[in-house]
C-alpha atoms as a PDB file:
ATOM      1  CA  MET A   1     -10.451 -10.113 -33.011  1.00  0.00           C
ATOM      2  CA  ASP A   2     -12.711  -7.146 -32.317  1.00  0.00           C
ATOM      3  CA  GLU A   3     -10.498  -4.299 -31.051  1.00  0.00           C
ATOM      4  CA  ASP A   4     -13.382  -2.844 -29.039  1.00  0.00           C
ATOM      5  CA  ASN A   5     -13.498  -5.930 -26.860  1.00  0.00           C
ATOM      6  CA  ASN A   6     -11.623  -5.856 -23.616  1.00  0.00           C
ATOM      7  CA  VAL A   7      -8.789  -8.338 -24.153  1.00  0.00           C
ATOM      8  CA  PHE A   8      -5.947  -9.388 -21.936  1.00  0.00           C
ATOM      9  CA  TYR A   9      -2.798  -7.529 -22.943  1.00  0.00           C
ATOM     10  CA  VAL A  10       0.339  -9.645 -23.275  1.00  0.00           C
ATOM     11  CA  PHE A  11       3.738  -7.990 -22.799  1.00  0.00           C
ATOM     12  CA  ASN A  12       5.096  -8.902 -26.234  1.00  0.00           C
ATOM     13  CA  SER A  13       5.156  -5.500 -27.908  1.00  0.00           C
ATOM     14  CA  LEU A  14       8.111  -3.170 -28.330  1.00  0.00           C
ATOM     15  CA  GLU A  15       6.789  -0.733 -25.732  1.00  0.00           C
ATOM     16  CA  ASN A  16       8.046  -0.949 -22.162  1.00  0.00           C
ATOM     17  CA  PRO A  17       5.030  -2.172 -20.156  1.00  0.00           C
ATOM     18  CA  PHE A  18       6.438  -0.573 -16.980  1.00  0.00           C
ATOM     19  CA  GLU A  19       7.231   2.853 -18.430  1.00  0.00           C
ATOM     20  CA  GLU A  20       4.061   4.487 -17.127  1.00  0.00           C
ATOM     21  CA  ASN A  21       4.775   3.256 -13.578  1.00  0.00           C
ATOM     22  CA  GLU A  22       8.391   4.404 -13.778  1.00  0.00           C
ATOM     23  CA  ARG A  23       7.425   7.834 -15.135  1.00  0.00           C
ATOM     24  CA  GLU A  24       4.831   8.281 -12.377  1.00  0.00           C
ATOM     25  CA  HIS A  25       7.334   7.304  -9.699  1.00  0.00           C
ATOM     26  CA  ARG A  26      10.016   9.694 -11.029  1.00  0.00           C
ATOM     27  CA  SER A  27       7.550  12.606 -10.968  1.00  0.00           C
ATOM     28  CA  LEU A  28       6.565  12.176  -7.301  1.00  0.00           C
ATOM     29  CA  PRO A  29       7.629  14.823  -4.771  1.00  0.00           C
ATOM     30  CA  LYS A  30      10.567  13.649  -2.667  1.00  0.00           C
ATOM     31  CA  CYS A  31      10.182  13.324   1.086  1.00  0.00           C
ATOM     32  CA  GLU A  32      13.631  13.316   2.665  1.00  0.00           C
ATOM     33  CA  THR A  33      13.188  13.282   6.448  1.00  0.00           C
ATOM     34  CA  VAL A  34      11.233  11.392   9.080  1.00  0.00           C
ATOM     35  CA  SER A  35       9.746  14.670  10.310  1.00  0.00           C
ATOM     36  CA  GLN A  36       8.409  15.411   6.794  1.00  0.00           C
ATOM     37  CA  LEU A  37       6.774  11.979   6.737  1.00  0.00           C
ATOM     38  CA  HIS A  38       5.278  12.573  10.168  1.00  0.00           C
ATOM     39  CA  LYS A  39       3.754  15.907   9.056  1.00  0.00           C
ATOM     40  CA  ILE A  40       2.238  14.267   5.985  1.00  0.00           C
ATOM     41  CA  ALA A  41       0.878  11.341   8.014  1.00  0.00           C
ATOM     42  CA  VAL A  42      -0.752  13.670  10.547  1.00  0.00           C
ATOM     43  CA  SER A  43      -2.239  16.163   8.120  1.00  0.00           C
ATOM     44  CA  SER A  44      -2.713  14.425   4.790  1.00  0.00           C
ATOM     45  CA  ASN A  45      -5.958  13.194   3.342  1.00  0.00           C
ATOM     46  CA  ASN A  46      -4.287  12.010   0.177  1.00  0.00           C
ATOM     47  CA  GLU A  47      -0.631  12.524  -0.662  1.00  0.00           C
ATOM     48  CA  HIS A  48       1.698  10.472  -2.839  1.00  0.00           C
ATOM     49  CA  VAL A  49       5.467  10.874  -2.316  1.00  0.00           C
ATOM     50  CA  SER A  50       8.784   9.177  -3.033  1.00  0.00           C
ATOM     51  CA  VAL A  51      10.759   8.163   0.061  1.00  0.00           C
ATOM     52  CA  LYS A  52      14.052   6.392   0.674  1.00  0.00           C
ATOM     53  CA  LYS A  53      13.555   3.013   2.329  1.00  0.00           C
ATOM     54  CA  ASN A  54      15.636   3.825   5.401  1.00  0.00           C
ATOM     55  CA  ILE A  55      13.591   7.002   6.055  1.00  0.00           C
ATOM     56  CA  LEU A  56      10.281   5.130   5.721  1.00  0.00           C
ATOM     57  CA  ASP A  57      11.541   2.300   7.938  1.00  0.00           C
ATOM     58  CA  GLU A  58      12.606   4.755  10.648  1.00  0.00           C
ATOM     59  CA  PHE A  59       9.230   6.511  10.452  1.00  0.00           C
ATOM     60  CA  LEU A  60       7.246   3.241  10.664  1.00  0.00           C
ATOM     61  CA  THR A  61       9.378   1.948  13.526  1.00  0.00           C
ATOM     62  CA  LYS A  62       8.973   5.163  15.539  1.00  0.00           C
ATOM     63  CA  LYS A  63       5.255   5.501  14.861  1.00  0.00           C
ATOM     64  CA  PHE A  64       4.142   1.898  15.278  1.00  0.00           C
ATOM     65  CA  ASN A  65       7.009   0.155  17.114  1.00  0.00           C
ATOM     66  CA  ILE A  66       7.111  -2.381  14.259  1.00  0.00           C
ATOM     67  CA  ASN A  67      10.340  -3.085  12.372  1.00  0.00           C
ATOM     68  CA  GLY A  68       9.561  -0.944   9.306  1.00  0.00           C
ATOM     69  CA  ILE A  69       8.307  -2.444   6.064  1.00  0.00           C
ATOM     70  CA  TYR A  70       9.878  -5.809   6.862  1.00  0.00           C
ATOM     71  CA  GLY A  71       7.991  -5.960  10.150  1.00  0.00           C
ATOM     72  CA  PHE A  72       4.690  -5.468   8.327  1.00  0.00           C
ATOM     73  CA  MET A  73       5.726  -8.032   5.672  1.00  0.00           C
ATOM     74  CA  GLU A  74       6.458 -10.584   8.392  1.00  0.00           C
ATOM     75  CA  ILE A  75       3.090  -9.970  10.089  1.00  0.00           C
ATOM     76  CA  TYR A  76       1.229 -10.294   6.789  1.00  0.00           C
ATOM     77  CA  SER A  77       3.086 -13.413   5.640  1.00  0.00           C
ATOM     78  CA  LYS A  78       2.581 -15.117   9.024  1.00  0.00           C
ATOM     79  CA  PHE A  79      -1.188 -14.682   8.644  1.00  0.00           C
ATOM     80  CA  HIS A  80      -1.239 -15.471   4.926  1.00  0.00           C
ATOM     81  CA  ILE A  81       0.885 -18.633   4.769  1.00  0.00           C
ATOM     82  CA  GLY A  82       1.669 -19.373   8.405  1.00  0.00           C
ATOM     83  CA  GLN A  83       5.348 -18.469   8.123  1.00  0.00           C
ATOM     84  CA  SER A  84       7.044 -15.088   8.520  1.00  0.00           C
ATOM     85  CA  PHE A  85       9.222 -13.879   5.673  1.00  0.00           C
ATOM     86  CA  TRP A  86      10.002 -10.743   3.710  1.00  0.00           C
ATOM     87  CA  LEU A  87      11.182  -9.864   0.246  1.00  0.00           C
ATOM     88  CA  PRO A  88      13.828  -7.299  -0.734  1.00  0.00           C
ATOM     89  CA  VAL A  89      12.563  -3.732  -1.126  1.00  0.00           C
ATOM     90  CA  PRO A  90      14.240  -1.167  -3.419  1.00  0.00           C
ATOM     91  CA  GLN A  91      15.719   1.994  -1.932  1.00  0.00           C
ATOM     92  CA  ASP A  92      13.124   4.319  -3.515  1.00  0.00           C
ATOM     93  CA  ILE A  93       9.574   3.702  -2.363  1.00  0.00           C
ATOM     94  CA  SER A  94       6.322   5.174  -3.607  1.00  0.00           C
ATOM     95  CA  VAL A  95       4.250   5.978  -0.516  1.00  0.00           C
ATOM     96  CA  ILE A  96       0.580   6.922  -0.526  1.00  0.00           C
ATOM     97  CA  PHE A  97      -0.850   8.526   2.618  1.00  0.00           C
ATOM     98  CA  LYS A  98      -4.622   8.598   3.062  1.00  0.00           C
ATOM     99  CA  THR A  99      -7.105   9.374   5.801  1.00  0.00           C
ATOM    100  CA  SER A 100     -10.652   8.058   5.954  1.00  0.00           C
ATOM    101  CA  SER A 101     -13.639   8.812   8.137  1.00  0.00           C
ATOM    102  CA  ASP A 102     -16.060   6.708   6.090  1.00  0.00           C
ATOM    103  CA  PRO A 103     -15.722   2.936   6.598  1.00  0.00           C
ATOM    104  CA  TYR A 104     -17.971   2.122   3.622  1.00  0.00           C
ATOM    105  CA  ASP A 105     -16.000   4.217   1.142  1.00  0.00           C
ATOM    106  CA  LEU A 106     -12.751   2.863   2.549  1.00  0.00           C
ATOM    107  CA  ALA A 107     -13.952  -0.742   2.276  1.00  0.00           C
ATOM    108  CA  HIS A 108     -14.820  -0.067  -1.374  1.00  0.00           C
ATOM    109  CA  PHE A 109     -11.386   1.497  -1.957  1.00  0.00           C
ATOM    110  CA  LEU A 110      -9.575  -1.439  -0.316  1.00  0.00           C
ATOM    111  CA  GLY A 111     -11.643  -3.951  -2.243  1.00  0.00           C
ATOM    112  CA  HIS A 112     -10.543  -2.411  -5.537  1.00  0.00           C
ATOM    113  CA  SER A 113      -7.013  -1.190  -4.783  1.00  0.00           C
ATOM    114  CA  GLN A 114      -4.058  -3.413  -5.630  1.00  0.00           C
ATOM    115  CA  SER A 115      -6.210  -5.518  -7.927  1.00  0.00           C
ATOM    116  CA  SER A 116      -4.368  -8.217  -9.848  1.00  0.00           C
ATOM    117  CA  ILE A 117      -5.717  -7.039 -13.196  1.00  0.00           C
ATOM    118  CA  ILE A 118      -6.220  -3.457 -14.369  1.00  0.00           C
ATOM    119  CA  THR A 119      -8.492  -2.471 -17.211  1.00  0.00           C
ATOM    120  CA  SER A 120      -7.895   0.694 -19.206  1.00  0.00           C
ATOM    121  CA  LYS A 121      -7.917   1.866 -22.809  1.00  0.00           C
ATOM    122  CA  ASN A 122      -9.909  -1.167 -23.954  1.00  0.00           C
ATOM    123  CA  ARG A 123      -7.382  -3.648 -22.620  1.00  0.00           C
ATOM    124  CA  SER A 124      -6.670  -5.566 -19.454  1.00  0.00           C
ATOM    125  CA  TYR A 125      -3.244  -6.261 -18.055  1.00  0.00           C
ATOM    126  CA  LEU A 126      -1.577  -7.614 -14.956  1.00  0.00           C
ATOM    127  CA  ASN A 127      -1.052  -4.981 -12.266  1.00  0.00           C
ATOM    128  CA  LEU A 128       2.709  -5.444 -12.126  1.00  0.00           C
ATOM    129  CA  HIS A 129       5.732  -3.204 -11.908  1.00  0.00           C
ATOM    130  CA  ASN A 130       9.447  -3.836 -12.147  1.00  0.00           C
ATOM    131  CA  ASN A 131      11.661  -4.478  -9.122  1.00  0.00           C
ATOM    132  CA  ARG A 132      12.828  -0.840  -8.980  1.00  0.00           C
ATOM    133  CA  ILE A 133       9.426   0.234  -7.650  1.00  0.00           C
ATOM    134  CA  TYR A 134       7.773  -0.601  -4.343  1.00  0.00           C
ATOM    135  CA  ARG A 135       4.412   0.807  -3.294  1.00  0.00           C
ATOM    136  CA  PHE A 136       3.407   1.282   0.320  1.00  0.00           C
ATOM    137  CA  THR A 137       0.013   2.729   1.261  1.00  0.00           C
ATOM    138  CA  LEU A 138      -0.666   4.001   4.789  1.00  0.00           C
ATOM    139  CA  ILE A 139      -4.260   4.849   5.679  1.00  0.00           C
ATOM    140  CA  ARG A 140      -5.344   6.414   8.965  1.00  0.00           C
ATOM    141  CA  ALA A 141      -8.892   5.424   9.943  1.00  0.00           C
ATOM    142  CA  ASN A 142     -10.868   8.009  11.871  1.00  0.00           C
ATOM    143  CA  PHE A 143     -13.333   5.386  13.063  1.00  0.00           C
ATOM    144  CA  ASP A 144     -13.265   2.146  15.042  1.00  0.00           C
ATOM    145  CA  ILE A 145     -11.923  -0.555  12.718  1.00  0.00           C
ATOM    146  CA  GLU A 146     -13.207  -3.329  14.973  1.00  0.00           C
ATOM    147  CA  GLN A 147     -16.755  -1.954  14.839  1.00  0.00           C
ATOM    148  CA  TYR A 148     -16.711  -2.342  11.041  1.00  0.00           C
ATOM    149  CA  SER A 149     -14.512  -5.448  10.858  1.00  0.00           C
ATOM    150  CA  ASP A 150     -17.073  -7.267   8.694  1.00  0.00           C
ATOM    151  CA  LEU A 151     -16.444  -4.659   5.946  1.00  0.00           C
ATOM    152  CA  PHE A 152     -12.682  -5.211   5.968  1.00  0.00           C
ATOM    153  CA  TYR A 153     -12.139  -8.779   4.810  1.00  0.00           C
ATOM    154  CA  VAL A 154      -9.503  -8.098   2.133  1.00  0.00           C
ATOM    155  CA  GLY A 155      -6.532  -8.364   4.489  1.00  0.00           C
ATOM    156  CA  TYR A 156      -5.511  -9.450   7.950  1.00  0.00           C
ATOM    157  CA  HIS A 157      -6.352  -7.759  11.229  1.00  0.00           C
ATOM    158  CA  TYR A 158      -3.547  -7.273  13.735  1.00  0.00           C
ATOM    159  CA  ASP A 159      -3.395  -5.478  17.095  1.00  0.00           C
ATOM    160  CA  THR A 160      -0.638  -3.973  19.169  1.00  0.00           C
ATOM    161  CA  GLU A 161      -0.999  -2.236  22.494  1.00  0.00           C
ATOM    162  CA  LYS A 162      -1.626   1.115  20.775  1.00  0.00           C
ATOM    163  CA  PHE A 163      -3.004   0.319  17.299  1.00  0.00           C
ATOM    164  CA  HIS A 164      -5.534  -1.731  15.351  1.00  0.00           C
ATOM    165  CA  PHE A 165      -4.250  -2.656  11.884  1.00  0.00           C
ATOM    166  CA  LEU A 166      -5.563  -4.157   8.689  1.00  0.00           C
ATOM    167  CA  ILE A 167      -2.716  -5.267   6.402  1.00  0.00           C
ATOM    168  CA  LYS A 168      -3.350  -6.030   2.732  1.00  0.00           C
ATOM    169  CA  SER A 169      -0.906  -7.072   0.018  1.00  0.00           C
ATOM    170  CA  SER A 170      -0.758  -6.898  -3.766  1.00  0.00           C
ATOM    171  CA  ILE A 171       0.440  -9.862  -5.819  1.00  0.00           C
ATOM    172  CA  GLN A 172       3.932  -8.296  -5.692  1.00  0.00           C
ATOM    173  CA  PHE A 173       3.866  -7.833  -1.890  1.00  0.00           C
ATOM    174  CA  ASP A 174       3.192  -4.084  -2.027  1.00  0.00           C
ATOM    175  CA  LEU A 175       1.517  -3.455   1.307  1.00  0.00           C
ATOM    176  CA  THR A 176      -1.461  -1.361   2.295  1.00  0.00           C
ATOM    177  CA  VAL A 177      -1.668  -0.714   6.033  1.00  0.00           C
ATOM    178  CA  LEU A 178      -4.884   0.637   7.521  1.00  0.00           C
ATOM    179  CA  TYR A 179      -4.448   1.743  11.111  1.00  0.00           C
ATOM    180  CA  GLN A 180      -6.443   3.219  13.932  1.00  0.00           C
ATOM    181  CA  GLU A 181      -4.994   4.436  17.200  1.00  0.00           C
ATOM    182  CA  LYS A 182      -6.705   2.794  20.159  1.00  0.00           C
ATOM    183  CA  THR A 183      -8.477   5.216  22.454  1.00  0.00           C
ATOM    184  CA  GLY A 184      -7.065   5.710  25.911  1.00  0.00           C
ATOM    185  CA  THR A 185      -3.463   4.960  24.887  1.00  0.00           C
END
């Protein structure tokens, strides 16, 4: 087989296929309080941190009045298969905070993030991690999500009294939540 061809990589070698993910997660800055998370969410354009599940859940519940990660899992699963459920989440969570003012760039990002297959170094492999890692991405939209709803078809739209959401999942139920605060609330 030509080694220059992009081939699907099978996890049958001696190397740990998850080592890169684990090393990345261990090197993330730790965020240890809800107030730290709030500061990052308000000011960050792109920050990646490690957070304990209970801290992230408290932050999400206070900010969105949704029952933390499990609340978002239940919303997503209800849309996706018609039944609400959630899966266990490890205590250490990799959280990515982003802000976007450009709906076209964000639609491109969402269309390519959490892909099922990743290609790098002349090989392709499933975008999987072990059960010690959970990834949660929170993106604040500085534009009207509804106005550009035709761009955002890679997840499910959901509204509360105060927020518009788009919720997307990876094949391992890592969630990406795009949100926009409704005006006048």
